[in-house]
């Protein structure tokens, strides 16, 4: 994946914004947040809440030496199962994980580490195991191309009702939501087409459990969209916590809390509020949120956020240097 100017940007953002408010929750399902303690997970780039194993979250590194998924127990932060995917070849840059209907896991090998433009990328599909233990599972591999040419992407989401797969490309000035065929084909090429603009430099996204809300995050913020039958309608900004290199987002299984992850050793997964989900409501019910609004000029905090984003943009040179150093290593 492309690197961000994480350390300096984080320091400036802390000064500009301060810490976000905590989310009240009992924490049994991970809603109070947790820390990924596995020393082998240093580049957690995706996050997905299990629906059949309470308190379990799936993650992955973006550059493992193989095709692995890790089940993290949010109560302890420990890895309780490592899944080795077979039948998928050697991954390039795994960036996202999502759970669709019937507890099926989808994995997006869709990134472009070191700026390589791939003419096609891959999506992997496998059943979530009923028993949490180290095991090997055969996955289905799908070849994906974009109708408008190669692009970098770090966000893959699967609608929890229809099972349709979507990808959001990653562009600094905002990208697009791409949808694939109603059913992916393992024997041919699956062409994804842009269907809606996404106003964010997107690093991950997630559907609410009822499929009526799409949360999109980036390095410096996030946006909630009403799904609106596949025509996303912007609801407002999300209260994304300050993180060194914000890479992932998922809803808790009840949809009341968003959880945000970052790369790094012992990386924290932190909670945030969901528009329309206060007091135990699901996002589809009536309600408002401190994160609601049209995303422009909502108050003094918004001016500070815009200033912080401007500061982050000024650090692009550091990002470029880090990429050069990585290529030379």
Protein backbone atom coordinates (compact mmCIF):
# COMPACT_ATOMS: atom_id res chain seq x y z
CA UNK A 1 0.00 0.00 0.00
CA UNK A 2 1.08 3.59 -0.39
CA UNK A 3 2.45 5.09 2.76
CA UNK A 4 1.17 8.19 4.49
CA UNK A 5 3.21 10.81 6.41
CA UNK A 6 1.96 9.14 9.55
CA UNK A 7 4.09 10.28 12.46
CA UNK A 8 4.35 13.99 11.74
CA UNK A 9 0.81 14.19 10.44
CA UNK A 10 -0.49 12.53 13.59
CA UNK A 11 1.38 14.98 15.81
CA UNK A 12 -0.03 17.96 13.93
CA UNK A 13 -3.51 16.51 13.97
CA UNK A 14 -3.35 15.94 17.71
CA UNK A 15 -2.48 19.59 18.21
CA UNK A 16 -5.19 20.75 15.83
CA UNK A 17 -8.06 18.55 16.86
CA UNK A 18 -7.63 17.06 20.29
CA UNK A 19 -8.94 13.63 21.28
CA UNK A 20 -12.37 12.35 20.15
CA UNK A 21 -15.09 11.58 22.67
CA UNK A 22 -15.33 8.04 23.98
CA UNK A 23 -18.23 5.79 23.03
CA UNK A 24 -20.21 4.24 25.87
CA UNK A 25 -20.58 0.47 25.45
CA UNK A 26 -20.30 -2.74 27.44
CA UNK A 27 -17.37 -3.96 25.34
CA UNK A 28 -18.43 -7.61 25.13
CA UNK A 29 -18.48 -7.38 21.33
CA UNK A 30 -15.34 -5.25 21.04
CA UNK A 31 -17.29 -2.00 21.02
CA UNK A 32 -15.00 -0.39 23.59
CA UNK A 33 -12.01 -1.05 21.34
CA UNK A 34 -8.99 -3.29 21.80
CA UNK A 35 -5.34 -3.71 20.88
CA UNK A 36 -4.04 -6.28 18.38
CA UNK A 37 -1.25 -7.94 20.36
CA UNK A 38 0.05 -10.48 17.85
CA UNK A 39 3.69 -9.48 17.11
CA UNK A 40 3.29 -10.92 13.63
CA UNK A 41 0.55 -8.42 12.74
CA UNK A 42 2.31 -5.14 12.03
CA UNK A 43 0.39 -3.98 8.96
CA UNK A 44 -3.25 -4.56 9.83
CA UNK A 45 -4.94 -3.15 6.74
CA UNK A 46 -8.49 -4.48 6.99
CA UNK A 47 -11.00 -5.31 9.70
CA UNK A 48 -14.30 -7.23 9.72
CA UNK A 49 -16.53 -8.22 12.62
CA UNK A 50 -17.55 -11.86 12.78
CA UNK A 51 -21.29 -12.52 13.06
CA UNK A 52 -21.06 -16.10 14.25
CA UNK A 53 -18.21 -15.71 16.76
CA UNK A 54 -18.97 -13.01 19.33
CA UNK A 55 -16.17 -10.54 19.88
CA UNK A 56 -14.03 -11.91 17.03
CA UNK A 57 -12.58 -9.62 14.35
CA UNK A 58 -10.80 -10.71 11.20
CA UNK A 59 -7.72 -8.87 9.99
CA UNK A 60 -4.66 -9.39 7.79
CA UNK A 61 -1.30 -7.88 6.96
CA UNK A 62 -1.00 -6.15 3.62
CA UNK A 63 2.30 -7.85 2.73
CA UNK A 64 2.44 -11.28 4.35
CA UNK A 65 4.59 -14.04 2.92
CA UNK A 66 1.41 -16.00 2.25
CA UNK A 67 -2.38 -15.77 2.10
CA UNK A 68 -3.32 -15.47 5.78
CA UNK A 69 -6.27 -14.24 7.81
CA UNK A 70 -6.18 -13.73 11.58
CA UNK A 71 -9.07 -14.04 14.04
CA UNK A 72 -8.58 -11.57 16.88
CA UNK A 73 -10.39 -11.96 20.21
CA UNK A 74 -11.39 -8.42 21.14
CA UNK A 75 -11.48 -9.30 24.85
CA UNK A 76 -7.77 -10.11 24.96
CA UNK A 77 -6.36 -8.77 21.69
CA UNK A 78 -4.86 -12.20 21.02
CA UNK A 79 -4.96 -14.14 17.77
CA UNK A 80 -7.14 -17.21 18.35
CA UNK A 81 -6.97 -18.64 14.81
CA UNK A 82 -4.79 -18.22 11.73
CA UNK A 83 -6.37 -19.18 8.43
CA UNK A 84 -4.14 -20.11 5.51
CA UNK A 85 -5.95 -19.68 2.20
CA UNK A 86 -5.09 -22.13 -0.56
CA UNK A 87 -6.02 -22.03 -4.23
CA UNK A 88 -5.21 -18.34 -4.59
CA UNK A 89 -1.56 -18.16 -5.62
CA UNK A 90 0.78 -15.61 -4.05
CA UNK A 91 -0.98 -12.42 -2.90
CA UNK A 92 0.38 -9.06 -4.05
CA UNK A 93 -1.14 -6.52 -1.67
CA UNK A 94 -4.11 -7.55 0.45
CA UNK A 95 -5.91 -4.43 1.61
CA UNK A 96 -9.45 -5.30 2.72
CA UNK A 97 -11.65 -7.95 4.28
CA UNK A 98 -15.46 -8.03 4.42
CA UNK A 99 -18.12 -10.51 5.47
CA UNK A 100 -21.13 -11.09 3.23
CA UNK A 101 -24.29 -13.16 3.62
CA UNK A 102 -24.09 -16.62 5.20
CA UNK A 103 -20.84 -15.76 7.01
CA UNK A 104 -18.82 -15.78 3.78
CA UNK A 105 -15.49 -13.93 3.93
CA UNK A 106 -14.26 -11.82 1.01
CA UNK A 107 -10.66 -10.60 0.81
CA UNK A 108 -9.46 -7.82 -1.49
CA UNK A 109 -5.99 -8.31 -3.01
CA UNK A 110 -6.48 -4.93 -4.67
CA UNK A 111 -3.58 -2.65 -3.65
CA UNK A 112 -0.62 -1.38 -5.63
CA UNK A 113 2.36 -1.54 -3.29
CA UNK A 114 5.30 0.52 -4.56
CA UNK A 115 3.12 2.15 -7.18
CA UNK A 116 2.80 -0.90 -9.45
CA UNK A 117 -0.22 -0.65 -11.76
CA UNK A 118 -1.74 -4.09 -12.16
CA UNK A 119 -3.86 -4.77 -15.25
CA UNK A 120 -6.04 -6.94 -12.98
CA UNK A 121 -6.45 -7.61 -9.27
CA UNK A 122 -7.96 -10.43 -7.22
CA UNK A 123 -10.81 -11.02 -4.81
CA UNK A 124 -10.74 -14.15 -2.64
CA UNK A 125 -13.85 -15.82 -1.20
CA UNK A 126 -14.06 -18.45 1.52
CA UNK A 127 -16.46 -19.63 4.24
CA UNK A 128 -15.85 -18.39 7.75
CA UNK A 129 -14.84 -21.43 9.80
CA UNK A 130 -17.26 -22.62 12.46
CA UNK A 131 -14.37 -23.58 14.71
CA UNK A 132 -11.71 -21.06 15.57
CA UNK A 133 -8.39 -22.87 15.26
CA UNK A 134 -5.38 -22.71 12.99
CA UNK A 135 -6.42 -24.33 9.73
CA UNK A 136 -6.16 -24.31 5.95
CA UNK A 137 -9.21 -23.37 3.88
CA UNK A 138 -9.53 -23.47 0.13
CA UNK A 139 -10.68 -20.14 -1.29
CA UNK A 140 -12.16 -19.15 -4.64
CA UNK A 141 -10.13 -16.59 -6.56
CA UNK A 142 -11.84 -14.03 -8.80
CA UNK A 143 -10.04 -11.93 -11.41
CA UNK A 144 -11.15 -8.28 -11.35
CA UNK A 145 -10.60 -5.49 -13.87
CA UNK A 146 -11.91 -1.93 -13.85
CA UNK A 147 -13.84 -0.61 -16.83
CA UNK A 148 -11.77 2.59 -16.84
CA UNK A 149 -8.31 1.06 -16.43
CA UNK A 150 -5.95 0.10 -13.57
CA UNK A 151 -6.16 1.92 -10.27
CA UNK A 152 -5.11 1.73 -6.68
CA UNK A 153 -7.72 0.60 -4.14
CA UNK A 154 -7.77 -0.34 -0.48
CA UNK A 155 -11.52 -0.68 0.17
CA UNK A 156 -13.68 -3.68 -0.60
CA UNK A 157 -17.20 -4.10 0.84
CA UNK A 158 -19.81 -6.81 0.41
CA UNK A 159 -23.47 -5.96 0.89
CA UNK A 160 -24.77 -8.05 3.80
CA UNK A 161 -28.13 -8.67 2.12
CA UNK A 162 -27.40 -9.05 -1.60
CA UNK A 163 -23.81 -10.32 -1.44
CA UNK A 164 -22.76 -7.90 -4.18
CA UNK A 165 -19.11 -6.86 -4.06
CA UNK A 166 -18.02 -3.22 -4.30
CA UNK A 167 -14.60 -1.55 -4.44
CA UNK A 168 -13.66 2.08 -3.78
CA UNK A 169 -10.53 3.36 -5.48
CA UNK A 170 -8.03 5.49 -3.59
CA UNK A 171 -7.40 8.98 -4.96
CA UNK A 172 -6.29 12.04 -3.01
CA UNK A 173 -8.98 14.23 -4.56
CA UNK A 174 -11.72 11.61 -4.09
CA UNK A 175 -12.50 8.40 -5.91
CA UNK A 176 -15.47 6.31 -6.99
CA UNK A 177 -17.52 3.40 -5.80
CA UNK A 178 -17.26 0.51 -8.28
CA UNK A 179 -19.73 -2.34 -8.47
CA UNK A 180 -19.07 -5.77 -9.88
CA UNK A 181 -21.38 -8.32 -11.45
CA UNK A 182 -24.32 -9.54 -9.39
CA UNK A 183 -22.46 -12.85 -9.10
CA UNK A 184 -18.72 -13.06 -9.48
CA UNK A 185 -17.35 -15.60 -11.94
CA UNK A 186 -14.34 -17.76 -11.08
CA UNK A 187 -13.83 -18.73 -14.72
CA UNK A 188 -13.73 -15.31 -16.38
CA UNK A 189 -12.85 -11.67 -15.77
CA UNK A 190 -15.16 -9.64 -13.55
CA UNK A 191 -15.44 -6.04 -14.74
CA UNK A 192 -16.15 -3.42 -12.07
CA UNK A 193 -17.71 -0.12 -13.18
CA UNK A 194 -17.85 3.26 -11.36
CA UNK A 195 -21.36 4.06 -10.13
CA UNK A 196 -20.97 6.91 -7.63
CA UNK A 197 -18.35 9.45 -6.48
CA UNK A 198 -16.81 9.11 -3.02
CA UNK A 199 -15.52 12.41 -1.62
CA UNK A 200 -12.55 11.03 0.28
CA UNK A 201 -9.02 9.69 -0.05
CA UNK A 202 -10.33 6.30 0.99
CA UNK A 203 -8.38 3.67 2.93
CA UNK A 204 -11.30 1.41 3.93
CA UNK A 205 -15.08 1.15 4.07
CA UNK A 206 -17.79 -0.99 5.65
CA UNK A 207 -21.52 -1.64 5.37
CA UNK A 208 -23.73 -1.47 8.44
CA UNK A 209 -25.15 -4.90 9.37
CA UNK A 210 -28.54 -3.99 7.90
CA UNK A 211 -26.91 -2.81 4.68
CA UNK A 212 -28.50 0.64 4.83
CA UNK A 213 -25.40 2.68 5.62
CA UNK A 214 -21.91 2.81 4.13
CA UNK A 215 -19.06 4.13 6.28
CA UNK A 216 -15.95 5.30 4.42
CA UNK A 217 -12.71 6.29 6.14
CA UNK A 218 -9.45 7.90 5.12
CA UNK A 219 -6.30 9.06 6.88
CA UNK A 220 -7.84 12.32 8.08
CA UNK A 221 -11.55 11.63 8.45
CA UNK A 222 -14.56 9.72 7.24
CA UNK A 223 -17.98 10.03 5.65
CA UNK A 224 -21.25 8.21 6.28
CA UNK A 225 -23.50 7.53 3.30
CA UNK A 226 -27.09 6.37 3.25
CA UNK A 227 -26.96 3.37 0.91
CA UNK A 228 -30.13 4.46 -0.90
CA UNK A 229 -30.51 1.27 -3.01
CA UNK A 230 -27.02 1.53 -4.44
CA UNK A 231 -27.06 5.29 -4.97
CA UNK A 232 -25.12 6.52 -1.93
CA UNK A 233 -26.42 9.73 -0.37
CA UNK A 234 -24.05 11.62 1.88
CA UNK A 235 -25.20 11.84 5.52
CA UNK A 236 -22.26 13.59 7.12
CA UNK A 237 -18.77 13.25 8.55
CA UNK A 238 -17.68 10.47 10.85
CA UNK A 239 -15.81 11.07 14.12
CA UNK A 240 -12.66 9.19 13.15
CA UNK A 241 -10.07 8.90 15.94
CA UNK A 242 -6.54 10.15 15.46
CA UNK A 243 -4.31 7.28 14.38
CA UNK A 244 -0.77 6.95 13.08
CA UNK A 245 -1.84 5.39 9.79
CA UNK A 246 -5.58 4.83 9.71
CA UNK A 247 -6.24 1.80 7.52
CA UNK A 248 -9.44 -0.01 8.50
CA UNK A 249 -13.03 0.34 9.66
CA UNK A 250 -15.87 -2.02 10.57
CA UNK A 251 -19.20 -1.90 12.39
CA UNK A 252 -19.79 -3.91 15.53
CA UNK A 253 -22.23 -6.76 14.87
CA UNK A 254 -25.19 -4.77 16.23
CA UNK A 255 -24.32 -1.73 14.11
CA UNK A 256 -24.17 0.64 17.09
CA UNK A 257 -20.45 1.43 16.95
CA UNK A 258 -17.77 1.88 14.32
CA UNK A 259 -14.30 0.51 15.02
CA UNK A 260 -11.20 2.02 13.42
CA UNK A 261 -7.85 0.27 13.02
CA UNK A 262 -4.34 1.36 12.14
CA UNK A 263 -1.06 -0.21 11.10
CA UNK A 264 1.87 -0.74 13.46
CA UNK A 265 2.98 -3.06 16.22
CA UNK A 266 0.32 -3.60 18.90
CA UNK A 267 -2.01 -1.45 16.86
CA UNK A 268 -5.09 -0.06 18.61
CA UNK A 269 -8.64 -0.55 17.34
CA UNK A 270 -10.66 2.43 18.54
CA UNK A 271 -14.42 3.09 18.73
CA UNK A 272 -16.39 5.89 17.13
CA UNK A 273 -20.04 6.90 16.92
CA UNK A 274 -22.43 5.96 14.10
CA UNK A 275 -24.88 8.53 12.70
CA UNK A 276 -28.36 7.44 13.76
CA UNK A 277 -27.12 4.72 16.13
CA UNK A 278 -27.30 6.47 19.51
CA UNK A 279 -29.04 4.77 22.41
CA UNK A 280 -28.90 1.36 20.81
CA UNK A 281 -30.61 2.38 17.58
CA UNK A 282 -29.54 0.88 14.30
CA UNK A 283 -28.35 3.28 11.59
CA UNK A 284 -31.61 2.81 9.68
CA UNK A 285 -33.73 4.15 12.53
CA UNK A 286 -34.50 7.80 13.11
CA UNK A 287 -31.87 9.71 15.01
CA UNK A 288 -29.12 12.24 14.68
CA UNK A 289 -25.45 12.31 15.50
CA UNK A 290 -22.70 14.72 16.30
CA UNK A 291 -21.16 13.44 13.10
CA UNK A 292 -24.25 14.30 11.05
CA UNK A 293 -24.42 17.25 8.70
CA UNK A 294 -23.61 18.11 5.12
CA UNK A 295 -19.88 18.15 5.80
CA UNK A 296 -19.28 21.84 5.15
CA UNK A 297 -18.94 24.62 7.70
CA UNK A 298 -20.68 22.91 10.61
CA UNK A 299 -18.77 24.85 13.26
CA UNK A 300 -15.36 25.71 14.76
CA UNK A 301 -14.32 22.07 14.97
CA UNK A 302 -14.85 21.74 11.25
CA UNK A 303 -12.53 24.67 10.57
CA UNK A 304 -9.88 22.97 12.69
CA UNK A 305 -10.37 19.73 10.79
CA UNK A 306 -9.97 21.49 7.47
CA UNK A 307 -6.79 23.15 8.74
CA UNK A 308 -5.47 19.77 9.85
CA UNK A 309 -6.18 18.28 6.45
CA UNK A 310 -4.29 21.16 4.84
CA UNK A 311 -1.34 20.45 7.12
CA UNK A 312 -1.46 16.78 6.14
CA UNK A 313 -1.49 17.68 2.46
CA UNK A 314 1.67 19.70 2.98
CA UNK A 315 3.46 16.57 4.12
CA UNK A 316 3.16 14.73 0.81
CA UNK A 317 6.90 15.17 0.31
CA UNK A 318 7.50 12.93 3.33
CA UNK A 319 5.23 10.33 1.83
CA UNK A 320 7.25 10.42 -1.37
CA UNK A 321 10.53 10.01 0.49
CA UNK A 322 9.19 7.04 2.42
CA UNK A 323 8.19 5.34 -0.81
CA UNK A 324 11.62 5.90 -2.30
CA UNK A 325 13.26 4.48 0.80
CA UNK A 326 10.97 1.46 0.71
CA UNK A 327 11.78 0.77 -2.93
CA UNK A 328 15.46 0.96 -2.18
CA UNK A 329 15.27 -1.44 0.76
